[in-house]
Amino acid sequence: MMKPWYHFSEVTVAHYGWEMLLMRGLFSWLLWQLLPGSIPFIHQPIPNGVGHLFDLTFLADQNLFFILRIGYGLALLVFISGLLPIISLGYVALLLIMVGALENSQGAIGHHLQLACMVASAQWIVYVCGVRGGGKSALKPSIEVHQRATHWAKIVIVASYVTSACVKLIASGGLWIIQLPDISLQLIKTHANVYYDTLWAQTEWVANELPHFISNHPNLTRIFFTPGLLLEVFAFIAITGRRGAGFIGVGLLFMHLLVRWVMNLSFSAHEWLLMIYLINLPYWGWFTYHKSKGDFGNRVSGVSTSR
């Protein structure tokens, strides 16, 4: 009896130690890039998130934030090593969450820190829950705990996209695909905002001609943009193994690049998280190289592809 070519069940991929070292390194680089050099907000007029519980304007103290930022960098280096993630990653996640909450307490909500903070927090929770037998497991978690933390990073990323798809469908009453041609108005608004922010004339085709093209070709617009919604709906496939993660990751990355080109909206942190945790190019490069040399036996090949 032939086996089905694919099983839709959750898989915690047995990532190699060197893979997760690279993932922690790249994720730490991203977290460092996301932390601003200074905080300009000295007021918290409309509290958001943890801003409801604490006055976060102390972060605007330049001397204090300089010290906190040094600690942030040192904590990232410790986290990369795989040691003390409860303390190192916990400190990093807490500081970035506070910075994001203070930014969002100014009256406008931004999302550029949201997913990275959620990924960091989810991994921190895994490390806390993974403490067994006293301080040794807290100091140096086992490779299985690191693998679970990596898996939960994927779960959070996937959940954010599935949630995005659900919001689109719920907010539109299930008519999102029908209403897609209305995106032409959003395009005009977006590029007008860019002009008023920069005073640079928006002369590109996507700014001037594309809105009219979309309005005049509604069905073609639906065919072109609907795959993005389907990728978000079925993003959970990414937690079924390496192949599923790679397929969904590449698809969502192209979706973001399309949004960046068409709407001039950048989701750089999301793109990097997709490349780090779902696409995972270093592994596939390593696997392809050794596969071409015939270095894999059946055991290694089966484990390393993990579906």
C-alpha atoms as a PDB file:
ATOM      1  CA  MET A   1       0.000   0.000   0.000  1.00  0.00           C
ATOM      2  CA  MET A   2       1.396   3.388  -0.991  1.00  0.00           C
ATOM      3  CA  LYS A   3       2.088   5.877   1.755  1.00  0.00           C
ATOM      4  CA  PRO A   4       0.534   9.346   1.424  1.00  0.00           C
ATOM      5  CA  TRP A   5       3.071  11.853   0.142  1.00  0.00           C
ATOM      6  CA  TYR A   6       2.382  14.230   3.011  1.00  0.00           C
ATOM      7  CA  HIS A   7       0.952  14.068   6.526  1.00  0.00           C
ATOM      8  CA  PHE A   8      -0.722  17.155   7.962  1.00  0.00           C
ATOM      9  CA  SER A   9       0.325  16.728  11.565  1.00  0.00           C
ATOM     10  CA  GLU A  10       2.393  18.944  13.829  1.00  0.00           C
ATOM     11  CA  VAL A  11       6.103  18.150  13.881  1.00  0.00           C
ATOM     12  CA  THR A  12       8.743  19.516  16.226  1.00  0.00           C
ATOM     13  CA  VAL A  13      11.703  19.471  13.849  1.00  0.00           C
ATOM     14  CA  ALA A  14      14.906  17.984  15.271  1.00  0.00           C
ATOM     15  CA  HIS A  15      17.025  21.003  14.342  1.00  0.00           C
ATOM     16  CA  TYR A  16      20.764  20.541  14.660  1.00  0.00           C
ATOM     17  CA  GLY A  17      22.671  22.534  17.258  1.00  0.00           C
ATOM     18  CA  TRP A  18      24.477  24.604  14.641  1.00  0.00           C
ATOM     19  CA  GLU A  19      21.151  25.496  12.988  1.00  0.00           C
ATOM     20  CA  MET A  20      19.712  26.850  16.214  1.00  0.00           C
ATOM     21  CA  LEU A  21      22.953  28.704  16.944  1.00  0.00           C
ATOM     22  CA  LEU A  22      22.562  30.490  13.600  1.00  0.00           C
ATOM     23  CA  MET A  23      18.873  31.117  14.306  1.00  0.00           C
ATOM     24  CA  ARG A  24      19.656  32.646  17.690  1.00  0.00           C
ATOM     25  CA  GLY A  25      22.395  34.744  16.109  1.00  0.00           C
ATOM     26  CA  LEU A  26      20.170  36.065  13.318  1.00  0.00           C
ATOM     27  CA  PHE A  27      17.230  36.611  15.666  1.00  0.00           C
ATOM     28  CA  SER A  28      19.497  38.509  18.053  1.00  0.00           C
ATOM     29  CA  TRP A  29      20.751  40.663  15.187  1.00  0.00           C
ATOM     30  CA  LEU A  30      17.140  41.455  14.292  1.00  0.00           C
ATOM     31  CA  LEU A  31      16.275  42.295  17.912  1.00  0.00           C
ATOM     32  CA  TRP A  32      19.288  44.617  18.087  1.00  0.00           C
ATOM     33  CA  GLN A  33      18.189  46.369  14.907  1.00  0.00           C
ATOM     34  CA  LEU A  34      14.680  46.851  16.301  1.00  0.00           C
ATOM     35  CA  LEU A  35      15.803  48.570  19.501  1.00  0.00           C
ATOM     36  CA  PRO A  36      16.058  52.343  18.902  1.00  0.00           C
ATOM     37  CA  GLY A  37      19.180  54.260  19.879  1.00  0.00           C
ATOM     38  CA  SER A  38      17.184  56.614  22.086  1.00  0.00           C
ATOM     39  CA  ILE A  39      13.601  57.228  23.188  1.00  0.00           C
ATOM     40  CA  PRO A  40      12.092  60.632  22.331  1.00  0.00           C
ATOM     41  CA  PHE A  41       8.784  60.141  24.163  1.00  0.00           C
ATOM     42  CA  ILE A  42       8.607  62.018  27.461  1.00  0.00           C
ATOM     43  CA  HIS A  43       4.839  61.615  27.841  1.00  0.00           C
ATOM     44  CA  GLN A  44       2.476  58.673  27.789  1.00  0.00           C
ATOM     45  CA  PRO A  45      -0.827  60.317  26.796  1.00  0.00           C
ATOM     46  CA  ILE A  46      -2.768  57.202  25.712  1.00  0.00           C
ATOM     47  CA  PRO A  47      -1.382  54.165  27.580  1.00  0.00           C
ATOM     48  CA  ASN A  48      -1.095  50.963  25.578  1.00  0.00           C
ATOM     49  CA  GLY A  49      -0.203  47.443  26.666  1.00  0.00           C
ATOM     50  CA  VAL A  50       1.987  47.393  29.773  1.00  0.00           C
ATOM     51  CA  GLY A  51       1.690  51.184  29.680  1.00  0.00           C
ATOM     52  CA  HIS A  52      -1.622  50.659  31.480  1.00  0.00           C
ATOM     53  CA  LEU A  53       0.325  49.228  34.414  1.00  0.00           C
ATOM     54  CA  PHE A  54       3.507  51.307  34.487  1.00  0.00           C
ATOM     55  CA  ASP A  55       4.734  54.758  33.584  1.00  0.00           C
ATOM     56  CA  LEU A  56       7.310  53.936  30.897  1.00  0.00           C
ATOM     57  CA  THR A  57       8.549  57.467  30.284  1.00  0.00           C
ATOM     58  CA  PHE A  58      11.645  56.678  32.381  1.00  0.00           C
ATOM     59  CA  LEU A  59      12.986  55.120  29.150  1.00  0.00           C
ATOM     60  CA  ALA A  60      13.350  58.642  27.737  1.00  0.00           C
ATOM     61  CA  ASP A  61      16.204  59.289  30.186  1.00  0.00           C
ATOM     62  CA  GLN A  62      19.145  59.138  27.770  1.00  0.00           C
ATOM     63  CA  ASN A  63      21.746  58.098  30.356  1.00  0.00           C
ATOM     64  CA  LEU A  64      19.540  55.351  31.741  1.00  0.00           C
ATOM     65  CA  PHE A  65      18.552  54.070  28.325  1.00  0.00           C
ATOM     66  CA  PHE A  66      22.203  54.022  27.268  1.00  0.00           C
ATOM     67  CA  ILE A  67      22.922  51.650  30.155  1.00  0.00           C
ATOM     68  CA  LEU A  68      19.824  49.565  29.409  1.00  0.00           C
ATOM     69  CA  ARG A  69      20.897  49.334  25.770  1.00  0.00           C
ATOM     70  CA  ILE A  70      24.369  48.093  26.730  1.00  0.00           C
ATOM     71  CA  GLY A  71      22.740  45.458  28.919  1.00  0.00           C
ATOM     72  CA  TYR A  72      20.475  44.561  26.002  1.00  0.00           C
ATOM     73  CA  GLY A  73      23.460  43.950  23.746  1.00  0.00           C
ATOM     74  CA  LEU A  74      25.265  41.857  26.345  1.00  0.00           C
ATOM     75  CA  ALA A  75      22.107  39.832  26.996  1.00  0.00           C
ATOM     76  CA  LEU A  76      21.813  39.112  23.271  1.00  0.00           C
ATOM     77  CA  LEU A  77      25.385  37.799  23.189  1.00  0.00           C
ATOM     78  CA  VAL A  78      24.632  35.490  26.108  1.00  0.00           C
ATOM     79  CA  PHE A  79      21.418  34.344  24.446  1.00  0.00           C
ATOM     80  CA  ILE A  80      23.287  33.506  21.230  1.00  0.00           C
ATOM     81  CA  SER A  81      25.571  31.212  23.212  1.00  0.00           C
ATOM     82  CA  GLY A  82      22.504  29.297  24.407  1.00  0.00           C
ATOM     83  CA  LEU A  83      23.246  30.013  28.067  1.00  0.00           C
ATOM     84  CA  LEU A  84      20.877  31.485  30.647  1.00  0.00           C
ATOM     85  CA  PRO A  85      18.034  32.175  28.195  1.00  0.00           C
ATOM     86  CA  ILE A  86      15.593  32.718  31.059  1.00  0.00           C
ATOM     87  CA  ILE A  87      17.585  35.781  32.123  1.00  0.00           C
ATOM     88  CA  SER A  88      19.137  36.914  28.828  1.00  0.00           C
ATOM     89  CA  LEU A  89      16.102  36.512  26.581  1.00  0.00           C
ATOM     90  CA  GLY A  90      13.781  37.594  29.367  1.00  0.00           C
ATOM     91  CA  TYR A  91      15.621  40.907  29.748  1.00  0.00           C
ATOM     92  CA  VAL A  92      15.653  41.477  25.984  1.00  0.00           C
ATOM     93  CA  ALA A  93      11.955  40.686  25.576  1.00  0.00           C
ATOM     94  CA  LEU A  94      10.951  42.863  28.531  1.00  0.00           C
ATOM     95  CA  LEU A  95      12.890  45.918  27.354  1.00  0.00           C
ATOM     96  CA  LEU A  96      11.640  45.659  23.768  1.00  0.00           C
ATOM     97  CA  ILE A  97       8.043  45.189  24.958  1.00  0.00           C
ATOM     98  CA  MET A  98       8.323  48.308  27.128  1.00  0.00           C
ATOM     99  CA  VAL A  99       9.768  50.313  24.223  1.00  0.00           C
ATOM    100  CA  GLY A 100       6.955  49.142  21.949  1.00  0.00           C
ATOM    101  CA  ALA A 101       4.309  49.923  24.561  1.00  0.00           C
ATOM    102  CA  LEU A 102       5.671  53.447  25.048  1.00  0.00           C
ATOM    103  CA  GLU A 103       5.735  54.045  21.282  1.00  0.00           C
ATOM    104  CA  ASN A 104       2.138  52.839  20.998  1.00  0.00           C
ATOM    105  CA  SER A 105       1.092  55.026  23.915  1.00  0.00           C
ATOM    106  CA  GLN A 106       1.508  58.160  21.800  1.00  0.00           C
ATOM    107  CA  GLY A 107      -1.879  57.827  20.095  1.00  0.00           C
ATOM    108  CA  ALA A 108      -0.950  55.759  17.024  1.00  0.00           C
ATOM    109  CA  ILE A 109      -0.468  51.999  16.933  1.00  0.00           C
ATOM    110  CA  GLY A 110       2.534  50.513  15.139  1.00  0.00           C
ATOM    111  CA  HIS A 111       3.225  46.840  14.523  1.00  0.00           C
ATOM    112  CA  HIS A 112       6.921  46.723  13.656  1.00  0.00           C
ATOM    113  CA  LEU A 113       7.918  45.327  17.083  1.00  0.00           C
ATOM    114  CA  GLN A 114       4.872  43.205  17.746  1.00  0.00           C
ATOM    115  CA  LEU A 115       5.768  39.876  16.141  1.00  0.00           C
ATOM    116  CA  ALA A 116       9.418  39.935  17.248  1.00  0.00           C
ATOM    117  CA  CYS A 117       8.322  40.578  20.843  1.00  0.00           C
ATOM    118  CA  MET A 118       5.819  37.726  20.661  1.00  0.00           C
ATOM    119  CA  VAL A 119       8.429  35.327  19.263  1.00  0.00           C
ATOM    120  CA  ALA A 120      10.912  36.288  21.988  1.00  0.00           C
ATOM    121  CA  SER A 121       8.257  35.947  24.710  1.00  0.00           C
ATOM    122  CA  ALA A 122       7.089  32.550  23.472  1.00  0.00           C
ATOM    123  CA  GLN A 123      10.635  31.184  23.472  1.00  0.00           C
ATOM    124  CA  TRP A 124      11.242  32.614  26.946  1.00  0.00           C
ATOM    125  CA  ILE A 125       8.159  30.791  28.257  1.00  0.00           C
ATOM    126  CA  VAL A 126       9.451  27.519  26.770  1.00  0.00           C
ATOM    127  CA  TYR A 127      12.798  28.000  28.499  1.00  0.00           C
ATOM    128  CA  VAL A 128      11.061  28.714  31.826  1.00  0.00           C
ATOM    129  CA  CYS A 129       8.883  25.617  31.476  1.00  0.00           C
ATOM    130  CA  GLY A 130      11.925  23.584  30.443  1.00  0.00           C
ATOM    131  CA  VAL A 131      13.759  24.046  33.744  1.00  0.00           C
ATOM    132  CA  ARG A 132      14.233  20.635  35.309  1.00  0.00           C
ATOM    133  CA  GLY A 133      16.480  19.478  38.105  1.00  0.00           C
ATOM    134  CA  GLY A 134      17.596  22.844  39.435  1.00  0.00           C
ATOM    135  CA  GLY A 135      20.010  25.430  38.140  1.00  0.00           C
ATOM    136  CA  LYS A 136      21.907  23.366  35.572  1.00  0.00           C
ATOM    137  CA  SER A 137      18.989  23.195  33.118  1.00  0.00           C
ATOM    138  CA  ALA A 138      18.382  26.919  33.578  1.00  0.00           C
ATOM    139  CA  LEU A 139      22.043  27.699  32.886  1.00  0.00           C
ATOM    140  CA  LYS A 140      22.367  25.425  29.859  1.00  0.00           C
ATOM    141  CA  PRO A 141      19.079  24.066  28.439  1.00  0.00           C
ATOM    142  CA  SER A 142      19.161  20.747  26.620  1.00  0.00           C
ATOM    143  CA  ILE A 143      19.025  20.610  22.835  1.00  0.00           C
ATOM    144  CA  GLU A 144      15.443  19.325  23.141  1.00  0.00           C
ATOM    145  CA  VAL A 145      14.424  22.496  25.001  1.00  0.00           C
ATOM    146  CA  HIS A 146      16.099  24.645  22.343  1.00  0.00           C
ATOM    147  CA  GLN A 147      14.202  22.680  19.696  1.00  0.00           C
ATOM    148  CA  ARG A 148      10.887  23.268  21.470  1.00  0.00           C
ATOM    149  CA  ALA A 149      11.690  26.965  21.767  1.00  0.00           C
ATOM    150  CA  THR A 150      12.394  27.106  18.030  1.00  0.00           C
ATOM    151  CA  HIS A 151       9.166  25.247  17.335  1.00  0.00           C
ATOM    152  CA  TRP A 152       7.153  27.711  19.407  1.00  0.00           C
ATOM    153  CA  ALA A 153       8.766  30.590  17.533  1.00  0.00           C
ATOM    154  CA  LYS A 154       7.298  29.040  14.383  1.00  0.00           C
ATOM    155  CA  ILE A 155       3.906  28.560  16.028  1.00  0.00           C
ATOM    156  CA  VAL A 156       3.714  32.242  16.994  1.00  0.00           C
ATOM    157  CA  ILE A 157       4.736  33.363  13.503  1.00  0.00           C
ATOM    158  CA  VAL A 158       2.178  31.048  11.909  1.00  0.00           C
ATOM    159  CA  ALA A 159      -0.569  32.095  14.332  1.00  0.00           C
ATOM    160  CA  SER A 160      -0.023  35.765  13.484  1.00  0.00           C
ATOM    161  CA  TYR A 161      -0.682  35.097   9.792  1.00  0.00           C
ATOM    162  CA  VAL A 162      -3.709  32.877  10.401  1.00  0.00           C
ATOM    163  CA  THR A 163      -5.074  35.585  12.702  1.00  0.00           C
ATOM    164  CA  SER A 164      -4.476  38.187  10.006  1.00  0.00           C
ATOM    165  CA  ALA A 165      -6.487  36.110   7.523  1.00  0.00           C
ATOM    166  CA  CYS A 166      -9.326  35.633  10.025  1.00  0.00           C
ATOM    167  CA  VAL A 167      -9.471  39.377  10.724  1.00  0.00           C
ATOM    168  CA  LYS A 168      -9.675  40.116   6.987  1.00  0.00           C
ATOM    169  CA  LEU A 169     -12.544  37.684   6.538  1.00  0.00           C
ATOM    170  CA  ILE A 170     -14.428  38.669   9.697  1.00  0.00           C
ATOM    171  CA  ALA A 171     -14.065  42.423   9.189  1.00  0.00           C
ATOM    172  CA  SER A 172     -15.268  42.128   5.581  1.00  0.00           C
ATOM    173  CA  GLY A 173     -18.130  39.797   6.402  1.00  0.00           C
ATOM    174  CA  GLY A 174     -16.470  37.119   4.297  1.00  0.00           C
ATOM    175  CA  LEU A 175     -16.377  39.439   1.285  1.00  0.00           C
ATOM    176  CA  TRP A 176     -12.655  40.257   1.294  1.00  0.00           C
ATOM    177  CA  ILE A 177     -12.022  38.705  -2.120  1.00  0.00           C
ATOM    178  CA  ILE A 178     -15.104  40.417  -3.572  1.00  0.00           C
ATOM    179  CA  GLN A 179     -13.932  43.765  -2.185  1.00  0.00           C
ATOM    180  CA  LEU A 180     -10.324  43.384  -3.369  1.00  0.00           C
ATOM    181  CA  PRO A 181     -10.598  45.933  -6.211  1.00  0.00           C
ATOM    182  CA  ASP A 182     -11.252  48.609  -3.548  1.00  0.00           C
ATOM    183  CA  ILE A 183      -7.551  48.293  -2.745  1.00  0.00           C
ATOM    184  CA  SER A 184      -7.017  50.888  -5.474  1.00  0.00           C
ATOM    185  CA  LEU A 185      -8.261  53.570  -3.050  1.00  0.00           C
ATOM    186  CA  GLN A 186      -5.845  52.316  -0.387  1.00  0.00           C
ATOM    187  CA  LEU A 187      -3.003  52.540  -2.890  1.00  0.00           C
ATOM    188  CA  ILE A 188      -3.801  56.162  -3.660  1.00  0.00           C
ATOM    189  CA  LYS A 189      -3.988  56.950   0.063  1.00  0.00           C
ATOM    190  CA  THR A 190      -0.713  55.168   0.854  1.00  0.00           C
ATOM    191  CA  HIS A 191       1.299  56.885  -1.851  1.00  0.00           C
ATOM    192  CA  ALA A 192      -0.269  60.246  -0.946  1.00  0.00           C
ATOM    193  CA  ASN A 193       0.911  59.705   2.639  1.00  0.00           C
ATOM    194  CA  VAL A 194       4.414  59.003   1.367  1.00  0.00           C
ATOM    195  CA  TYR A 195       4.349  62.244  -0.623  1.00  0.00           C
ATOM    196  CA  TYR A 196       3.189  64.346   2.335  1.00  0.00           C
ATOM    197  CA  ASP A 197       5.791  62.691   4.586  1.00  0.00           C
ATOM    198  CA  THR A 198       8.715  63.211   2.204  1.00  0.00           C
ATOM    199  CA  LEU A 199       7.524  65.769  -0.399  1.00  0.00           C
ATOM    200  CA  TRP A 200       8.964  63.441  -3.025  1.00  0.00           C
ATOM    201  CA  ALA A 201       6.802  63.256  -6.135  1.00  0.00           C
ATOM    202  CA  GLN A 202       5.315  59.784  -6.517  1.00  0.00           C
ATOM    203  CA  THR A 203       5.872  59.257 -10.235  1.00  0.00           C
ATOM    204  CA  GLU A 204       6.255  55.464 -10.281  1.00  0.00           C
ATOM    205  CA  TRP A 205       3.854  53.266 -12.215  1.00  0.00           C
ATOM    206  CA  VAL A 206       2.596  51.646  -9.005  1.00  0.00           C
ATOM    207  CA  ALA A 207       1.658  55.059  -7.610  1.00  0.00           C
ATOM    208  CA  ASN A 208      -0.081  56.521 -10.641  1.00  0.00           C
ATOM    209  CA  GLU A 209      -1.147  53.824 -13.086  1.00  0.00           C
ATOM    210  CA  LEU A 210      -1.637  50.724 -10.935  1.00  0.00           C
ATOM    211  CA  PRO A 211      -4.686  52.041  -8.986  1.00  0.00           C
ATOM    212  CA  HIS A 212      -6.484  52.679 -12.283  1.00  0.00           C
ATOM    213  CA  PHE A 213      -5.408  49.278 -13.634  1.00  0.00           C
ATOM    214  CA  ILE A 214      -6.792  47.542 -10.520  1.00  0.00           C
ATOM    215  CA  SER A 215     -10.060  49.449 -10.747  1.00  0.00           C
ATOM    216  CA  ASN A 216     -10.455  48.586 -14.433  1.00  0.00           C
ATOM    217  CA  HIS A 217      -9.546  44.889 -14.037  1.00  0.00           C
ATOM    218  CA  PRO A 218     -11.297  43.679 -10.838  1.00  0.00           C
ATOM    219  CA  ASN A 219     -11.223  39.951 -11.629  1.00  0.00           C
ATOM    220  CA  LEU A 220      -7.551  40.007 -12.538  1.00  0.00           C
ATOM    221  CA  THR A 221      -6.914  41.790  -9.236  1.00  0.00           C
ATOM    222  CA  ARG A 222      -8.747  39.055  -7.353  1.00  0.00           C
ATOM    223  CA  ILE A 223      -6.742  36.332  -9.098  1.00  0.00           C
ATOM    224  CA  PHE A 224      -3.490  38.147  -8.329  1.00  0.00           C
ATOM    225  CA  PHE A 225      -4.068  38.918  -4.631  1.00  0.00           C
ATOM    226  CA  THR A 226      -6.156  35.948  -3.441  1.00  0.00           C
ATOM    227  CA  PRO A 227      -3.125  33.597  -3.111  1.00  0.00           C
ATOM    228  CA  GLY A 228      -1.818  35.874  -0.359  1.00  0.00           C
ATOM    229  CA  LEU A 229      -4.975  35.316   1.682  1.00  0.00           C
ATOM    230  CA  LEU A 230      -4.803  31.568   1.081  1.00  0.00           C
ATOM    231  CA  LEU A 231      -1.180  31.502   2.252  1.00  0.00           C
ATOM    232  CA  GLU A 232      -2.217  33.209   5.481  1.00  0.00           C
ATOM    233  CA  VAL A 233      -5.193  30.872   6.009  1.00  0.00           C
ATOM    234  CA  PHE A 234      -3.040  27.767   5.504  1.00  0.00           C
ATOM    235  CA  ALA A 235       0.077  29.109   7.224  1.00  0.00           C
ATOM    236  CA  PHE A 236      -0.307  26.352   9.837  1.00  0.00           C
ATOM    237  CA  ILE A 237       1.241  23.976   7.276  1.00  0.00           C
ATOM    238  CA  ALA A 238       4.552  25.523   8.336  1.00  0.00           C
ATOM    239  CA  ILE A 239       4.521  23.546  11.595  1.00  0.00           C
ATOM    240  CA  THR A 240       4.207  20.178   9.815  1.00  0.00           C
ATOM    241  CA  GLY A 241       7.929  19.920   9.048  1.00  0.00           C
ATOM    242  CA  ARG A 242      10.803  21.458   7.144  1.00  0.00           C
ATOM    243  CA  ARG A 243       9.198  21.264   3.714  1.00  0.00           C
ATOM    244  CA  GLY A 244       5.945  22.808   4.888  1.00  0.00           C
ATOM    245  CA  ALA A 245       7.830  25.579   6.676  1.00  0.00           C
ATOM    246  CA  GLY A 246       9.922  26.293   3.612  1.00  0.00           C
ATOM    247  CA  PHE A 247       6.933  26.342   1.256  1.00  0.00           C
ATOM    248  CA  ILE A 248       4.847  28.651   3.442  1.00  0.00           C
ATOM    249  CA  GLY A 249       7.847  30.804   4.353  1.00  0.00           C
ATOM    250  CA  VAL A 250       8.822  31.441   0.734  1.00  0.00           C
ATOM    251  CA  GLY A 251       5.209  32.141  -0.220  1.00  0.00           C
ATOM    252  CA  LEU A 252       4.675  34.631   2.599  1.00  0.00           C
ATOM    253  CA  LEU A 253       8.011  36.299   1.876  1.00  0.00           C
ATOM    254  CA  PHE A 254       6.982  36.873  -1.741  1.00  0.00           C
ATOM    255  CA  MET A 255       3.651  38.215  -0.486  1.00  0.00           C
ATOM    256  CA  HIS A 256       5.492  40.780   1.658  1.00  0.00           C
ATOM    257  CA  LEU A 257       7.752  41.760  -1.234  1.00  0.00           C
ATOM    258  CA  LEU A 258       4.661  42.257  -3.399  1.00  0.00           C
ATOM    259  CA  VAL A 259       3.049  44.425  -0.720  1.00  0.00           C
ATOM    260  CA  ARG A 260       6.269  46.413  -0.417  1.00  0.00           C
ATOM    261  CA  TRP A 261       6.331  47.019  -4.184  1.00  0.00           C
ATOM    262  CA  VAL A 262       2.637  47.702  -4.710  1.00  0.00           C
ATOM    263  CA  MET A 263       1.677  49.557  -1.526  1.00  0.00           C
ATOM    264  CA  ASN A 264       5.027  50.879  -0.346  1.00  0.00           C
ATOM    265  CA  LEU A 265       4.448  49.161   3.005  1.00  0.00           C
ATOM    266  CA  SER A 266       7.428  47.441   4.588  1.00  0.00           C
ATOM    267  CA  PHE A 267       7.253  44.582   7.110  1.00  0.00           C
ATOM    268  CA  SER A 268      10.980  43.997   7.426  1.00  0.00           C
ATOM    269  CA  ALA A 269      10.861  42.276  10.814  1.00  0.00           C
ATOM    270  CA  HIS A 270       8.228  39.831   9.561  1.00  0.00           C
ATOM    271  CA  GLU A 271      10.312  39.099   6.474  1.00  0.00           C
ATOM    272  CA  TRP A 272      13.409  38.377   8.547  1.00  0.00           C
ATOM    273  CA  LEU A 273      11.466  36.133  10.942  1.00  0.00           C
ATOM    274  CA  LEU A 274      10.175  34.145   7.966  1.00  0.00           C
ATOM    275  CA  MET A 275      13.704  33.741   6.610  1.00  0.00           C
ATOM    276  CA  ILE A 276      15.174  32.782   9.985  1.00  0.00           C
ATOM    277  CA  TYR A 277      12.605  30.299  11.273  1.00  0.00           C
ATOM    278  CA  LEU A 278      10.609  29.033   8.299  1.00  0.00           C
ATOM    279  CA  ILE A 279      12.777  29.258   5.193  1.00  0.00           C
ATOM    280  CA  ASN A 280      16.040  28.472   7.023  1.00  0.00           C
ATOM    281  CA  LEU A 281      18.326  28.746   3.993  1.00  0.00           C
ATOM    282  CA  PRO A 282      21.539  27.707   5.833  1.00  0.00           C
ATOM    283  CA  TYR A 283      20.071  24.267   6.498  1.00  0.00           C
ATOM    284  CA  TRP A 284      18.874  23.723   2.936  1.00  0.00           C
ATOM    285  CA  GLY A 285      22.209  24.847   1.559  1.00  0.00           C
ATOM    286  CA  TRP A 286      23.989  22.425   3.889  1.00  0.00           C
ATOM    287  CA  PHE A 287      21.554  19.604   3.073  1.00  0.00           C
ATOM    288  CA  THR A 288      21.792  20.135  -0.698  1.00  0.00           C
ATOM    289  CA  TYR A 289      25.594  20.160  -0.577  1.00  0.00           C
ATOM    290  CA  HIS A 290      25.865  16.903   1.380  1.00  0.00           C
ATOM    291  CA  LYS A 291      23.055  15.258  -0.584  1.00  0.00           C
ATOM    292  CA  SER A 292      24.864  16.019  -3.845  1.00  0.00           C
ATOM    293  CA  LYS A 293      27.970  14.347  -2.452  1.00  0.00           C
ATOM    294  CA  GLY A 294      26.007  11.288  -1.361  1.00  0.00           C
ATOM    295  CA  ASP A 295      27.022  11.794   2.257  1.00  0.00           C
ATOM    296  CA  PHE A 296      23.607  10.932   3.711  1.00  0.00           C
ATOM    297  CA  GLY A 297      22.551   7.505   4.773  1.00  0.00           C
ATOM    298  CA  ASN A 298      18.869   6.657   5.107  1.00  0.00           C
ATOM    299  CA  ARG A 299      18.840   7.461   8.810  1.00  0.00           C
ATOM    300  CA  VAL A 300      20.350  10.920   8.521  1.00  0.00           C
ATOM    301  CA  SER A 301      18.372  11.801   5.425  1.00  0.00           C
ATOM    302  CA  GLY A 302      15.074  10.829   7.010  1.00  0.00           C
ATOM    303  CA  VAL A 303      15.665  12.759  10.202  1.00  0.00           C
ATOM    304  CA  SER A 304      17.132  15.855   8.609  1.00  0.00           C
ATOM    305  CA  THR A 305      14.286  16.479   6.166  1.00  0.00           C
ATOM    306  CA  SER A 306      11.582  15.909   8.817  1.00  0.00           C
ATOM    307  CA  ARG A 307       8.896  15.746   6.131  1.00  0.00           C
END
